[in-house]
PDB file of N, CA and C in Angstrom:
ATOM      1  N   UNK A   1       0.817  -1.190   0.000  1.00  0.00           N
ATOM      2  CA  UNK A   1       0.000   0.000   0.000  1.00  0.00           C
ATOM      3  C   UNK A   1       0.863   1.257   0.000  1.00  0.00           C
ATOM      4  N   UNK A   2       1.755   1.359   0.947  1.00  0.00           N
ATOM      5  CA  UNK A   2       2.589   2.546   1.107  1.00  0.00           C
ATOM      6  C   UNK A   2       3.998   2.090   1.436  1.00  0.00           C
ATOM      7  N   UNK A   3       4.971   2.785   0.914  1.00  0.00           N
ATOM      8  CA  UNK A   3       6.350   2.508   1.308  1.00  0.00           C
ATOM      9  C   UNK A   3       6.537   3.032   2.721  1.00  0.00           C
ATOM     10  N   UNK A   4       7.034   2.203   3.589  1.00  0.00           N
ATOM     11  CA  UNK A   4       7.159   2.602   4.988  1.00  0.00           C
ATOM     12  C   UNK A   4       8.504   3.250   5.257  1.00  0.00           C
ATOM     13  N   UNK A   5       8.483   4.373   5.929  1.00  0.00           N
ATOM     14  CA  UNK A   5       9.671   5.053   6.415  1.00  0.00           C
ATOM     15  C   UNK A   5       9.407   5.452   7.854  1.00  0.00           C
ATOM     16  N   UNK A   6      10.454   5.602   8.646  1.00  0.00           N
ATOM     17  CA  UNK A   6      10.278   6.047  10.029  1.00  0.00           C
ATOM     18  C   UNK A   6       9.731   7.469  10.058  1.00  0.00           C
ATOM     19  N   UNK A   7      10.169   8.318   9.142  1.00  0.00           N
ATOM     20  CA  UNK A   7       9.723   9.709   9.101  1.00  0.00           C
ATOM     21  C   UNK A   7       9.286  10.058   7.690  1.00  0.00           C
ATOM     22  N   UNK A   8       8.394  11.024   7.574  1.00  0.00           N
ATOM     23  CA  UNK A   8       7.910  11.427   6.256  1.00  0.00           C
ATOM     24  C   UNK A   8       8.244  12.890   6.007  1.00  0.00           C
ATOM     25  N   UNK A   9       9.215  13.136   5.146  1.00  0.00           N
ATOM     26  CA  UNK A   9       9.571  14.500   4.769  1.00  0.00           C
ATOM     27  C   UNK A   9       8.892  14.895   3.469  1.00  0.00           C
ATOM     28  N   UNK A  10       8.260  13.965   2.807  1.00  0.00           N
ATOM     29  CA  UNK A  10       7.639  14.190   1.512  1.00  0.00           C
ATOM     30  C   UNK A  10       6.137  14.418   1.706  1.00  0.00           C
ATOM     31  N   UNK A  11       5.716  15.670   1.704  1.00  0.00           N
ATOM     32  CA  UNK A  11       4.323  16.008   1.962  1.00  0.00           C
ATOM     33  C   UNK A  11       3.377  15.382   0.933  1.00  0.00           C
ATOM     34  N   UNK A  12       3.777  15.327  -0.315  1.00  0.00           N
ATOM     35  CA  UNK A  12       2.933  14.729  -1.354  1.00  0.00           C
ATOM     36  C   UNK A  12       2.718  13.235  -1.090  1.00  0.00           C
ATOM     37  N   UNK A  13       3.768  12.543  -0.667  1.00  0.00           N
ATOM     38  CA  UNK A  13       3.650  11.112  -0.351  1.00  0.00           C
ATOM     39  C   UNK A  13       2.738  10.908   0.854  1.00  0.00           C
ATOM     40  N   UNK A  14       2.852  11.792   1.817  1.00  0.00           N
ATOM     41  CA  UNK A  14       2.026  11.718   3.020  1.00  0.00           C
ATOM     42  C   UNK A  14       0.542  11.905   2.677  1.00  0.00           C
ATOM     43  N   UNK A  15       0.240  12.904   1.877  1.00  0.00           N
ATOM     44  CA  UNK A  15      -1.138  13.161   1.464  1.00  0.00           C
ATOM     45  C   UNK A  15      -1.681  11.972   0.676  1.00  0.00           C
ATOM     46  N   UNK A  16      -0.877  11.423  -0.230  1.00  0.00           N
ATOM     47  CA  UNK A  16      -1.295  10.265  -1.019  1.00  0.00           C
ATOM     48  C   UNK A  16      -1.544   9.055  -0.127  1.00  0.00           C
ATOM     49  N   UNK A  17      -0.704   8.837   0.873  1.00  0.00           N
ATOM     50  CA  UNK A  17      -0.864   7.703   1.788  1.00  0.00           C
ATOM     51  C   UNK A  17      -2.169   7.821   2.570  1.00  0.00           C
ATOM     52  N   UNK A  18      -2.480   9.008   3.052  1.00  0.00           N
ATOM     53  CA  UNK A  18      -3.726   9.212   3.803  1.00  0.00           C
ATOM     54  C   UNK A  18      -4.947   9.042   2.900  1.00  0.00           C
ATOM     55  N   UNK A  19      -4.863   9.531   1.687  1.00  0.00           N
ATOM     56  CA  UNK A  19      -5.968   9.393   0.738  1.00  0.00           C
ATOM     57  C   UNK A  19      -6.226   7.917   0.435  1.00  0.00           C
ATOM     58  N   UNK A  20      -5.153   7.161   0.213  1.00  0.00           N
ATOM     59  CA  UNK A  20      -5.262   5.723  -0.058  1.00  0.00           C
ATOM     60  C   UNK A  20      -5.840   4.990   1.149  1.00  0.00           C
ATOM     61  N   UNK A  21      -5.343   5.309   2.337  1.00  0.00           N
ATOM     62  CA  UNK A  21      -5.835   4.650   3.551  1.00  0.00           C
ATOM     63  C   UNK A  21      -7.325   4.924   3.745  1.00  0.00           C
ATOM     64  N   UNK A  22      -7.745   6.169   3.568  1.00  0.00           N
ATOM     65  CA  UNK A  22      -9.164   6.502   3.727  1.00  0.00           C
ATOM     66  C   UNK A  22     -10.020   5.782   2.695  1.00  0.00           C
ATOM     67  N   UNK A  23      -9.536   5.663   1.468  1.00  0.00           N
ATOM     68  CA  UNK A  23     -10.277   4.950   0.434  1.00  0.00           C
ATOM     69  C   UNK A  23     -10.481   3.483   0.840  1.00  0.00           C
ATOM     70  N   UNK A  24      -9.420   2.858   1.343  1.00  0.00           N
ATOM     71  CA  UNK A  24      -9.520   1.462   1.780  1.00  0.00           C
ATOM     72  C   UNK A  24     -10.422   1.332   3.011  1.00  0.00           C
ATOM     73  N   UNK A  25     -10.324   2.256   3.946  1.00  0.00           N
ATOM     74  CA  UNK A  25     -11.174   2.208   5.145  1.00  0.00           C
ATOM     75  C   UNK A  25     -12.650   2.377   4.774  1.00  0.00           C
ATOM     76  N   UNK A  26     -12.926   3.213   3.801  1.00  0.00           N
ATOM     77  CA  UNK A  26     -14.304   3.394   3.328  1.00  0.00           C
ATOM     78  C   UNK A  26     -14.845   2.063   2.776  1.00  0.00           C
ATOM     79  N   UNK A  27     -14.007   1.333   2.040  1.00  0.00           N
ATOM     80  CA  UNK A  27     -14.411   0.038   1.487  1.00  0.00           C
ATOM     81  C   UNK A  27     -14.598  -0.997   2.594  1.00  0.00           C
ATOM     82  N   UNK A  28     -13.725  -0.966   3.610  1.00  0.00           N
ATOM     83  CA  UNK A  28     -13.854  -1.883   4.745  1.00  0.00           C
ATOM     84  C   UNK A  28     -15.185  -1.626   5.457  1.00  0.00           C
ATOM     85  N   UNK A  29     -15.492  -0.350   5.686  1.00  0.00           N
ATOM     86  CA  UNK A  29     -16.759   0.004   6.344  1.00  0.00           C
ATOM     87  C   UNK A  29     -17.939  -0.539   5.550  1.00  0.00           C
ATOM     88  N   UNK A  30     -17.879  -0.413   4.233  1.00  0.00           N
ATOM     89  CA  UNK A  30     -18.949  -0.918   3.381  1.00  0.00           C
ATOM     90  C   UNK A  30     -19.082  -2.434   3.525  1.00  0.00           C
ATOM     91  N   UNK A  31     -17.957  -3.142   3.553  1.00  0.00           N
ATOM     92  CA  UNK A  31     -17.970  -4.600   3.730  1.00  0.00           C
ATOM     93  C   UNK A  31     -18.578  -4.998   5.074  1.00  0.00           C
ATOM     94  N   UNK A  32     -18.414  -4.139   6.075  1.00  0.00           N
ATOM     95  CA  UNK A  32     -18.955  -4.411   7.407  1.00  0.00           C
ATOM     96  C   UNK A  32     -20.412  -3.961   7.534  1.00  0.00           C
ATOM     97  N   UNK A  33     -20.938  -3.331   6.487  1.00  0.00           N
ATOM     98  CA  UNK A  33     -22.311  -2.847   6.531  1.00  0.00           C
ATOM     99  C   UNK A  33     -22.463  -1.579   7.353  1.00  0.00           C
ATOM    100  N   UNK A  34     -21.390  -0.824   7.484  1.00  0.00           N
ATOM    101  CA  UNK A  34     -21.401   0.407   8.281  1.00  0.00           C
ATOM    102  C   UNK A  34     -21.710   1.589   7.375  1.00  0.00           C
ATOM    103  N   UNK A  35     -22.718   2.361   7.759  1.00  0.00           N
ATOM    104  CA  UNK A  35     -23.022   3.617   7.077  1.00  0.00           C
ATOM    105  C   UNK A  35     -22.246   4.701   7.806  1.00  0.00           C
ATOM    106  N   UNK A  36     -21.345   5.339   7.096  1.00  0.00           N
ATOM    107  CA  UNK A  36     -20.479   6.333   7.723  1.00  0.00           C
ATOM    108  C   UNK A  36     -21.214   7.641   7.984  1.00  0.00           C
ATOM    109  N   UNK A  37     -21.025   8.157   9.185  1.00  0.00           N
ATOM    110  CA  UNK A  37     -21.547   9.470   9.562  1.00  0.00           C
ATOM    111  C   UNK A  37     -20.401  10.468   9.461  1.00  0.00           C
ATOM    112  N   UNK A  38     -20.701  11.762   9.399  1.00  0.00           N
ATOM    113  CA  UNK A  38     -19.624  12.756   9.374  1.00  0.00           C
ATOM    114  C   UNK A  38     -18.687  12.571  10.574  1.00  0.00           C
ATOM    115  N   UNK A  39     -17.402  12.567  10.318  1.00  0.00           N
ATOM    116  CA  UNK A  39     -16.411  12.410  11.376  1.00  0.00           C
ATOM    117  C   UNK A  39     -15.996  10.976  11.654  1.00  0.00           C
ATOM    118  N   UNK A  40     -16.694   9.996  11.081  1.00  0.00           N
ATOM    119  CA  UNK A  40     -16.334   8.591  11.300  1.00  0.00           C
ATOM    120  C   UNK A  40     -15.014   8.232  10.632  1.00  0.00           C
ATOM    121  N   UNK A  41     -14.690   8.913   9.564  1.00  0.00           N
ATOM    122  CA  UNK A  41     -13.471   8.650   8.809  1.00  0.00           C
ATOM    123  C   UNK A  41     -12.683   9.951   8.745  1.00  0.00           C
ATOM    124  N   UNK A  42     -11.496   9.948   9.355  1.00  0.00           N
ATOM    125  CA  UNK A  42     -10.734  11.198   9.433  1.00  0.00           C
ATOM    126  C   UNK A  42      -9.240  10.940   9.386  1.00  0.00           C
ATOM    127  N   UNK A  43      -8.497  12.017   9.177  1.00  0.00           N
ATOM    128  CA  UNK A  43      -7.038  11.967   9.192  1.00  0.00           C
ATOM    129  C   UNK A  43      -6.514  12.784  10.350  1.00  0.00           C
ATOM    130  N   UNK A  44      -5.452  12.316  10.919  1.00  0.00           N
ATOM    131  CA  UNK A  44      -4.666  13.085  11.877  1.00  0.00           C
ATOM    132  C   UNK A  44      -3.288  13.166  11.241  1.00  0.00           C
ATOM    133  N   UNK A  45      -3.002  14.262  10.510  1.00  0.00           N
ATOM    134  CA  UNK A  45      -1.823  14.292   9.650  1.00  0.00           C
ATOM    135  C   UNK A  45      -0.469  14.326  10.353  1.00  0.00           C
ATOM    136  N   UNK A  46      -0.409  14.647  11.624  1.00  0.00           N
ATOM    137  CA  UNK A  46       0.885  14.709  12.294  1.00  0.00           C
ATOM    138  C   UNK A  46       1.691  15.912  11.827  1.00  0.00           C
ATOM    139  N   UNK A  47       2.889  16.027  12.325  1.00  0.00           N
ATOM    140  CA  UNK A  47       3.760  17.143  11.984  1.00  0.00           C
ATOM    141  C   UNK A  47       4.518  16.918  10.696  1.00  0.00           C
ATOM    142  N   UNK A  48       5.486  17.792  10.424  1.00  0.00           N
ATOM    143  CA  UNK A  48       6.200  17.730   9.143  1.00  0.00           C
ATOM    144  C   UNK A  48       7.074  16.488   8.947  1.00  0.00           C
ATOM    145  N   UNK A  49       7.460  15.802  10.012  1.00  0.00           N
ATOM    146  CA  UNK A  49       8.299  14.613   9.844  1.00  0.00           C
ATOM    147  C   UNK A  49       7.617  13.334  10.332  1.00  0.00           C
ATOM    148  N   UNK A  50       6.315  13.409  10.586  1.00  0.00           N
ATOM    149  CA  UNK A  50       5.569  12.259  11.091  1.00  0.00           C
ATOM    150  C   UNK A  50       4.452  11.931  10.109  1.00  0.00           C
ATOM    151  N   UNK A  51       4.242  10.640   9.835  1.00  0.00           N
ATOM    152  CA  UNK A  51       3.210  10.213   8.896  1.00  0.00           C
ATOM    153  C   UNK A  51       1.811  10.564   9.380  1.00  0.00           C
ATOM    154  N   UNK A  52       1.560  10.461  10.671  1.00  0.00           N
ATOM    155  CA  UNK A  52       0.206  10.635  11.174  1.00  0.00           C
ATOM    156  C   UNK A  52      -0.593   9.377  10.940  1.00  0.00           C
ATOM    157  N   UNK A  53      -1.940   9.477  11.046  1.00  0.00           N
ATOM    158  CA  UNK A  53      -2.756   8.287  10.848  1.00  0.00           C
ATOM    159  C   UNK A  53      -4.106   8.642  10.247  1.00  0.00           C
ATOM    160  N   UNK A  54      -4.715   7.638   9.649  1.00  0.00           N
ATOM    161  CA  UNK A  54      -6.085   7.714   9.147  1.00  0.00           C
ATOM    162  C   UNK A  54      -6.913   6.834  10.069  1.00  0.00           C
ATOM    163  N   UNK A  55      -8.106   7.323  10.438  1.00  0.00           N
ATOM    164  CA  UNK A  55      -8.891   6.660  11.470  1.00  0.00           C
ATOM    165  C   UNK A  55     -10.324   6.433  11.019  1.00  0.00           C
ATOM    166  N   UNK A  56     -10.814   5.211  11.263  1.00  0.00           N
ATOM    167  CA  UNK A  56     -12.222   4.870  11.124  1.00  0.00           C
ATOM    168  C   UNK A  56     -12.726   4.655  12.544  1.00  0.00           C
ATOM    169  N   UNK A  57     -13.680   5.474  12.993  1.00  0.00           N
ATOM    170  CA  UNK A  57     -14.176   5.395  14.364  1.00  0.00           C
ATOM    171  C   UNK A  57     -15.700   5.447  14.333  1.00  0.00           C
ATOM    172  N   UNK A  58     -16.327   4.299  14.606  1.00  0.00           N
ATOM    173  CA  UNK A  58     -17.785   4.206  14.581  1.00  0.00           C
ATOM    174  C   UNK A  58     -18.290   3.892  15.982  1.00  0.00           C
ATOM    175  N   UNK A  59     -19.554   3.508  16.090  1.00  0.00           N
ATOM    176  CA  UNK A  59     -20.122   3.174  17.403  1.00  0.00           C
ATOM    177  C   UNK A  59     -19.508   1.927  18.016  1.00  0.00           C
ATOM    178  N   UNK A  60     -18.992   1.012  17.168  1.00  0.00           N
ATOM    179  CA  UNK A  60     -18.499  -0.267  17.676  1.00  0.00           C
ATOM    180  C   UNK A  60     -17.033  -0.567  17.406  1.00  0.00           C
ATOM    181  N   UNK A  61     -16.424   0.135  16.434  1.00  0.00           N
ATOM    182  CA  UNK A  61     -15.064  -0.225  16.030  1.00  0.00           C
ATOM    183  C   UNK A  61     -14.193   1.017  15.829  1.00  0.00           C
ATOM    184  N   UNK A  62     -12.907   0.849  16.159  1.00  0.00           N
ATOM    185  CA  UNK A  62     -11.889   1.890  15.970  1.00  0.00           C
ATOM    186  C   UNK A  62     -10.749   1.247  15.187  1.00  0.00           C
ATOM    187  N   UNK A  63     -10.409   1.834  14.038  1.00  0.00           N
ATOM    188  CA  UNK A  63      -9.340   1.318  13.184  1.00  0.00           C
ATOM    189  C   UNK A  63      -8.388   2.471  12.894  1.00  0.00           C
ATOM    190  N   UNK A  64      -7.113   2.279  13.201  1.00  0.00           N
ATOM    191  CA  UNK A  64      -6.116   3.335  13.018  1.00  0.00           C
ATOM    192  C   UNK A  64      -5.001   2.846  12.101  1.00  0.00           C
ATOM    193  N   UNK A  65      -4.841   3.546  10.979  1.00  0.00           N
ATOM    194  CA  UNK A  65      -3.821   3.198   9.992  1.00  0.00           C
ATOM    195  C   UNK A  65      -2.695   4.215  10.070  1.00  0.00           C
ATOM    196  N   UNK A  66      -1.511   3.744  10.390  1.00  0.00           N
ATOM    197  CA  UNK A  66      -0.298   4.564  10.375  1.00  0.00           C
ATOM    198  C   UNK A  66       0.595   3.962   9.292  1.00  0.00           C
ATOM    199  N   UNK A  67       0.768   4.678   8.166  1.00  0.00           N
ATOM    200  CA  UNK A  67       1.524   4.109   7.041  1.00  0.00           C
ATOM    201  C   UNK A  67       2.969   3.725   7.371  1.00  0.00           C
ATOM    202  N   UNK A  68       3.511   4.199   8.481  1.00  0.00           N
ATOM    203  CA  UNK A  68       4.890   3.863   8.832  1.00  0.00           C
ATOM    204  C   UNK A  68       4.986   2.538   9.594  1.00  0.00           C
ATOM    205  N   UNK A  69       3.855   1.945   9.901  1.00  0.00           N
ATOM    206  CA  UNK A  69       3.841   0.692  10.663  1.00  0.00           C
ATOM    207  C   UNK A  69       3.412  -0.474   9.781  1.00  0.00           C
ATOM    208  N   UNK A  70       3.763  -1.673  10.200  1.00  0.00           N
ATOM    209  CA  UNK A  70       3.440  -2.876   9.428  1.00  0.00           C
ATOM    210  C   UNK A  70       2.040  -3.401   9.710  1.00  0.00           C
ATOM    211  N   UNK A  71       1.422  -2.911  10.789  1.00  0.00           N
ATOM    212  CA  UNK A  71       0.119  -3.416  11.194  1.00  0.00           C
ATOM    213  C   UNK A  71      -0.862  -2.272  11.418  1.00  0.00           C
ATOM    214  N   UNK A  72      -2.151  -2.581  11.270  1.00  0.00           N
ATOM    215  CA  UNK A  72      -3.230  -1.638  11.520  1.00  0.00           C
ATOM    216  C   UNK A  72      -3.800  -1.953  12.893  1.00  0.00           C
ATOM    217  N   UNK A  73      -3.942  -0.933  13.727  1.00  0.00           N
ATOM    218  CA  UNK A  73      -4.510  -1.107  15.060  1.00  0.00           C
ATOM    219  C   UNK A  73      -6.028  -1.164  14.951  1.00  0.00           C
ATOM    220  N   UNK A  74      -6.648  -2.155  15.575  1.00  0.00           N
ATOM    221  CA  UNK A  74      -8.111  -2.272  15.619  1.00  0.00           C
ATOM    222  C   UNK A  74      -8.525  -2.589  17.050  1.00  0.00           C
ATOM    223  N   UNK A  75      -9.693  -2.079  17.431  1.00  0.00           N
ATOM    224  CA  UNK A  75     -10.243  -2.412  18.748  1.00  0.00           C
ATOM    225  C   UNK A  75     -11.727  -2.080  18.773  1.00  0.00           C
ATOM    226  N   UNK A  76     -12.432  -2.684  19.693  1.00  0.00           N
ATOM    227  CA  UNK A  76     -13.843  -2.364  19.877  1.00  0.00           C
ATOM    228  C   UNK A  76     -13.944  -1.075  20.678  1.00  0.00           C
ATOM    229  N   UNK A  77     -15.053  -0.377  20.497  1.00  0.00           N
ATOM    230  CA  UNK A  77     -15.341   0.822  21.282  1.00  0.00           C
ATOM    231  C   UNK A  77     -16.819   0.819  21.644  1.00  0.00           C
ATOM    232  N   UNK A  78     -17.162   1.641  22.619  1.00  0.00           N
ATOM    233  CA  UNK A  78     -18.559   1.817  23.026  1.00  0.00           C
ATOM    234  C   UNK A  78     -18.972   3.245  22.688  1.00  0.00           C
ATOM    235  N   UNK A  79     -19.166   3.475  21.411  1.00  0.00           N
ATOM    236  CA  UNK A  79     -19.601   4.785  20.955  1.00  0.00           C
ATOM    237  C   UNK A  79     -18.472   5.617  20.377  1.00  0.00           C
ATOM    238  N   UNK A  80     -18.870   6.702  19.760  1.00  0.00           N
ATOM    239  CA  UNK A  80     -17.910   7.565  19.075  1.00  0.00           C
ATOM    240  C   UNK A  80     -17.086   8.440  20.018  1.00  0.00           C
ATOM    241  N   UNK A  81     -17.478   8.512  21.274  1.00  0.00           N
ATOM    242  CA  UNK A  81     -16.695   9.299  22.231  1.00  0.00           C
ATOM    243  C   UNK A  81     -15.733   8.420  23.034  1.00  0.00           C
ATOM    244  N   UNK A  82     -15.702   7.119  22.741  1.00  0.00           N
ATOM    245  CA  UNK A  82     -14.789   6.183  23.401  1.00  0.00           C
ATOM    246  C   UNK A  82     -13.499   6.107  22.586  1.00  0.00           C
ATOM    247  N   UNK A  83     -12.413   6.632  23.148  1.00  0.00           N
ATOM    248  CA  UNK A  83     -11.130   6.639  22.440  1.00  0.00           C
ATOM    249  C   UNK A  83     -10.146   5.607  22.994  1.00  0.00           C
ATOM    250  N   UNK A  84     -10.529   4.863  24.017  1.00  0.00           N
ATOM    251  CA  UNK A  84      -9.641   3.840  24.566  1.00  0.00           C
ATOM    252  C   UNK A  84     -10.138   2.446  24.243  1.00  0.00           C
ATOM    253  N   UNK A  85     -11.436   2.210  24.357  1.00  0.00           N
ATOM    254  CA  UNK A  85     -12.058   0.973  23.918  1.00  0.00           C
ATOM    255  C   UNK A  85     -11.497  -0.295  24.522  1.00  0.00           C
ATOM    256  N   UNK A  86     -11.708  -1.391  23.800  1.00  0.00           N
ATOM    257  CA  UNK A  86     -11.220  -2.705  24.215  1.00  0.00           C
ATOM    258  C   UNK A  86      -9.723  -2.842  23.970  1.00  0.00           C
ATOM    259  N   UNK A  87      -9.247  -4.083  24.067  1.00  0.00           N
ATOM    260  CA  UNK A  87      -7.810  -4.303  23.901  1.00  0.00           C
ATOM    261  C   UNK A  87      -7.367  -4.041  22.470  1.00  0.00           C
ATOM    262  N   UNK A  88      -6.144  -3.587  22.334  1.00  0.00           N
ATOM    263  CA  UNK A  88      -5.581  -3.345  21.014  1.00  0.00           C
ATOM    264  C   UNK A  88      -5.286  -4.667  20.326  1.00  0.00           C
ATOM    265  N   UNK A  89      -5.679  -4.762  19.058  1.00  0.00           N
ATOM    266  CA  UNK A  89      -5.389  -5.907  18.218  1.00  0.00           C
ATOM    267  C   UNK A  89      -4.797  -5.363  16.917  1.00  0.00           C
ATOM    268  N   UNK A  90      -4.151  -6.225  16.168  1.00  0.00           N
ATOM    269  CA  UNK A  90      -3.461  -5.754  14.967  1.00  0.00           C
ATOM    270  C   UNK A  90      -3.727  -6.671  13.779  1.00  0.00           C
ATOM    271  N   UNK A  91      -3.882  -6.042  12.614  1.00  0.00           N
ATOM    272  CA  UNK A  91      -4.065  -6.748  11.353  1.00  0.00           C
ATOM    273  C   UNK A  91      -2.962  -6.248  10.418  1.00  0.00           C
ATOM    274  N   UNK A  92      -2.319  -7.132   9.659  1.00  0.00           N
ATOM    275  CA  UNK A  92      -1.257  -6.678   8.749  1.00  0.00           C
ATOM    276  C   UNK A  92      -1.733  -5.569   7.800  1.00  0.00           C
ATOM    277  N   UNK A  93      -0.929  -4.542   7.654  1.00  0.00           N
ATOM    278  CA  UNK A  93      -1.237  -3.408   6.780  1.00  0.00           C
ATOM    279  C   UNK A  93      -1.514  -3.865   5.349  1.00  0.00           C
ATOM    280  N   UNK A  94      -0.802  -4.870   4.884  1.00  0.00           N
ATOM    281  CA  UNK A  94      -0.967  -5.350   3.511  1.00  0.00           C
ATOM    282  C   UNK A  94      -2.395  -5.814   3.222  1.00  0.00           C
ATOM    283  N   UNK A  95      -3.132  -6.264   4.249  1.00  0.00           N
ATOM    284  CA  UNK A  95      -4.506  -6.741   4.039  1.00  0.00           C
ATOM    285  C   UNK A  95      -5.497  -5.596   3.838  1.00  0.00           C
ATOM    286  N   UNK A  96      -5.103  -4.375   4.170  1.00  0.00           N
ATOM    287  CA  UNK A  96      -6.020  -3.247   4.018  1.00  0.00           C
ATOM    288  C   UNK A  96      -6.423  -3.034   2.563  1.00  0.00           C
ATOM    289  N   UNK A  97      -5.569  -3.414   1.642  1.00  0.00           N
ATOM    290  CA  UNK A  97      -5.899  -3.264   0.218  1.00  0.00           C
ATOM    291  C   UNK A  97      -6.849  -4.360  -0.269  1.00  0.00           C
ATOM    292  N   UNK A  98      -7.210  -5.273   0.624  1.00  0.00           N
ATOM    293  CA  UNK A  98      -8.188  -6.327   0.331  1.00  0.00           C
ATOM    294  C   UNK A  98      -9.331  -6.168   1.328  1.00  0.00           C
ATOM    295  N   UNK A  99     -10.240  -5.210   1.094  1.00  0.00           N
ATOM    296  CA  UNK A  99     -11.254  -4.843   2.083  1.00  0.00           C
ATOM    297  C   UNK A  99     -12.088  -5.997   2.639  1.00  0.00           C
ATOM    298  N   UNK A 100     -12.498  -6.942   1.789  1.00  0.00           N
ATOM    299  CA  UNK A 100     -13.306  -8.066   2.271  1.00  0.00           C
ATOM    300  C   UNK A 100     -12.506  -8.942   3.226  1.00  0.00           C
ATOM    301  N   UNK A 101     -11.258  -9.207   2.885  1.00  0.00           N
ATOM    302  CA  UNK A 101     -10.386 -10.018   3.737  1.00  0.00           C
ATOM    303  C   UNK A 101     -10.114  -9.276   5.048  1.00  0.00           C
ATOM    304  N   UNK A 102      -9.813  -7.979   4.938  1.00  0.00           N
ATOM    305  CA  UNK A 102      -9.547  -7.181   6.133  1.00  0.00           C
ATOM    306  C   UNK A 102     -10.776  -7.172   7.049  1.00  0.00           C
ATOM    307  N   UNK A 103     -11.967  -6.956   6.464  1.00  0.00           N
ATOM    308  CA  UNK A 103     -13.206  -6.916   7.252  1.00  0.00           C
ATOM    309  C   UNK A 103     -13.455  -8.260   7.938  1.00  0.00           C
ATOM    310  N   UNK A 104     -13.196  -9.347   7.246  1.00  0.00           N
ATOM    311  CA  UNK A 104     -13.366 -10.675   7.839  1.00  0.00           C
ATOM    312  C   UNK A 104     -12.436 -10.865   9.031  1.00  0.00           C
ATOM    313  N   UNK A 105     -11.171 -10.461   8.873  1.00  0.00           N
ATOM    314  CA  UNK A 105     -10.212 -10.549   9.978  1.00  0.00           C
ATOM    315  C   UNK A 105     -10.661  -9.674  11.135  1.00  0.00           C
ATOM    316  N   UNK A 106     -11.107  -8.473  10.842  1.00  0.00           N
ATOM    317  CA  UNK A 106     -11.543  -7.555  11.882  1.00  0.00           C
ATOM    318  C   UNK A 106     -12.719  -8.143  12.659  1.00  0.00           C
ATOM    319  N   UNK A 107     -13.695  -8.689  11.953  1.00  0.00           N
ATOM    320  CA  UNK A 107     -14.853  -9.307  12.609  1.00  0.00           C
ATOM    321  C   UNK A 107     -14.427 -10.475  13.489  1.00  0.00           C
ATOM    322  N   UNK A 108     -13.514 -11.280  12.984  1.00  0.00           N
ATOM    323  CA  UNK A 108     -13.037 -12.445  13.722  1.00  0.00           C
ATOM    324  C   UNK A 108     -12.268 -12.037  14.978  1.00  0.00           C
ATOM    325  N   UNK A 109     -11.349 -11.118  14.832  1.00  0.00           N
ATOM    326  CA  UNK A 109     -10.512 -10.696  15.950  1.00  0.00           C
ATOM    327  C   UNK A 109     -11.319 -10.010  17.027  1.00  0.00           C
ATOM    328  N   UNK A 110     -12.246  -9.131  16.622  1.00  0.00           N
ATOM    329  CA  UNK A 110     -12.995  -8.339  17.592  1.00  0.00           C
ATOM    330  C   UNK A 110     -14.296  -9.001  18.034  1.00  0.00           C
ATOM    331  N   UNK A 111     -14.627 -10.146  17.417  1.00  0.00           N
ATOM    332  CA  UNK A 111     -15.836 -10.851  17.798  1.00  0.00           C
ATOM    333  C   UNK A 111     -17.104 -10.117  17.397  1.00  0.00           C
ATOM    334  N   UNK A 112     -17.047  -9.440  16.258  1.00  0.00           N
ATOM    335  CA  UNK A 112     -18.230  -8.711  15.768  1.00  0.00           C
ATOM    336  C   UNK A 112     -19.107  -9.651  14.965  1.00  0.00           C
ATOM    337  N   UNK A 113     -20.404  -9.455  15.067  1.00  0.00           N
ATOM    338  CA  UNK A 113     -21.323 -10.300  14.303  1.00  0.00           C
ATOM    339  C   UNK A 113     -21.742  -9.642  13.024  1.00  0.00           C
TER     340      UNK A 113
END
């Protein structure tokens, strides 16, 4: 999906990585049957040398994509104001480009029906 570096000095690459991550997260949400509300899908761009992250945060699930990491953080939550949620779990970043596979893993790991 994205070439991983510890730091991101290339603003264009950073913007492209966030755009790609959000596109994949939108597809994952669709596979899960989630209708996105405003604010459910957002970017936290970080500073000039940090990749930042793209986030899917719904009533039941929190997914955080940091292009500099090999895994995507996923966890259950109890509403959109819950930022700590259940235990942290991880899915390989490479699976994000396969939304159906990623959604299946997410459902399995988090015990979602």
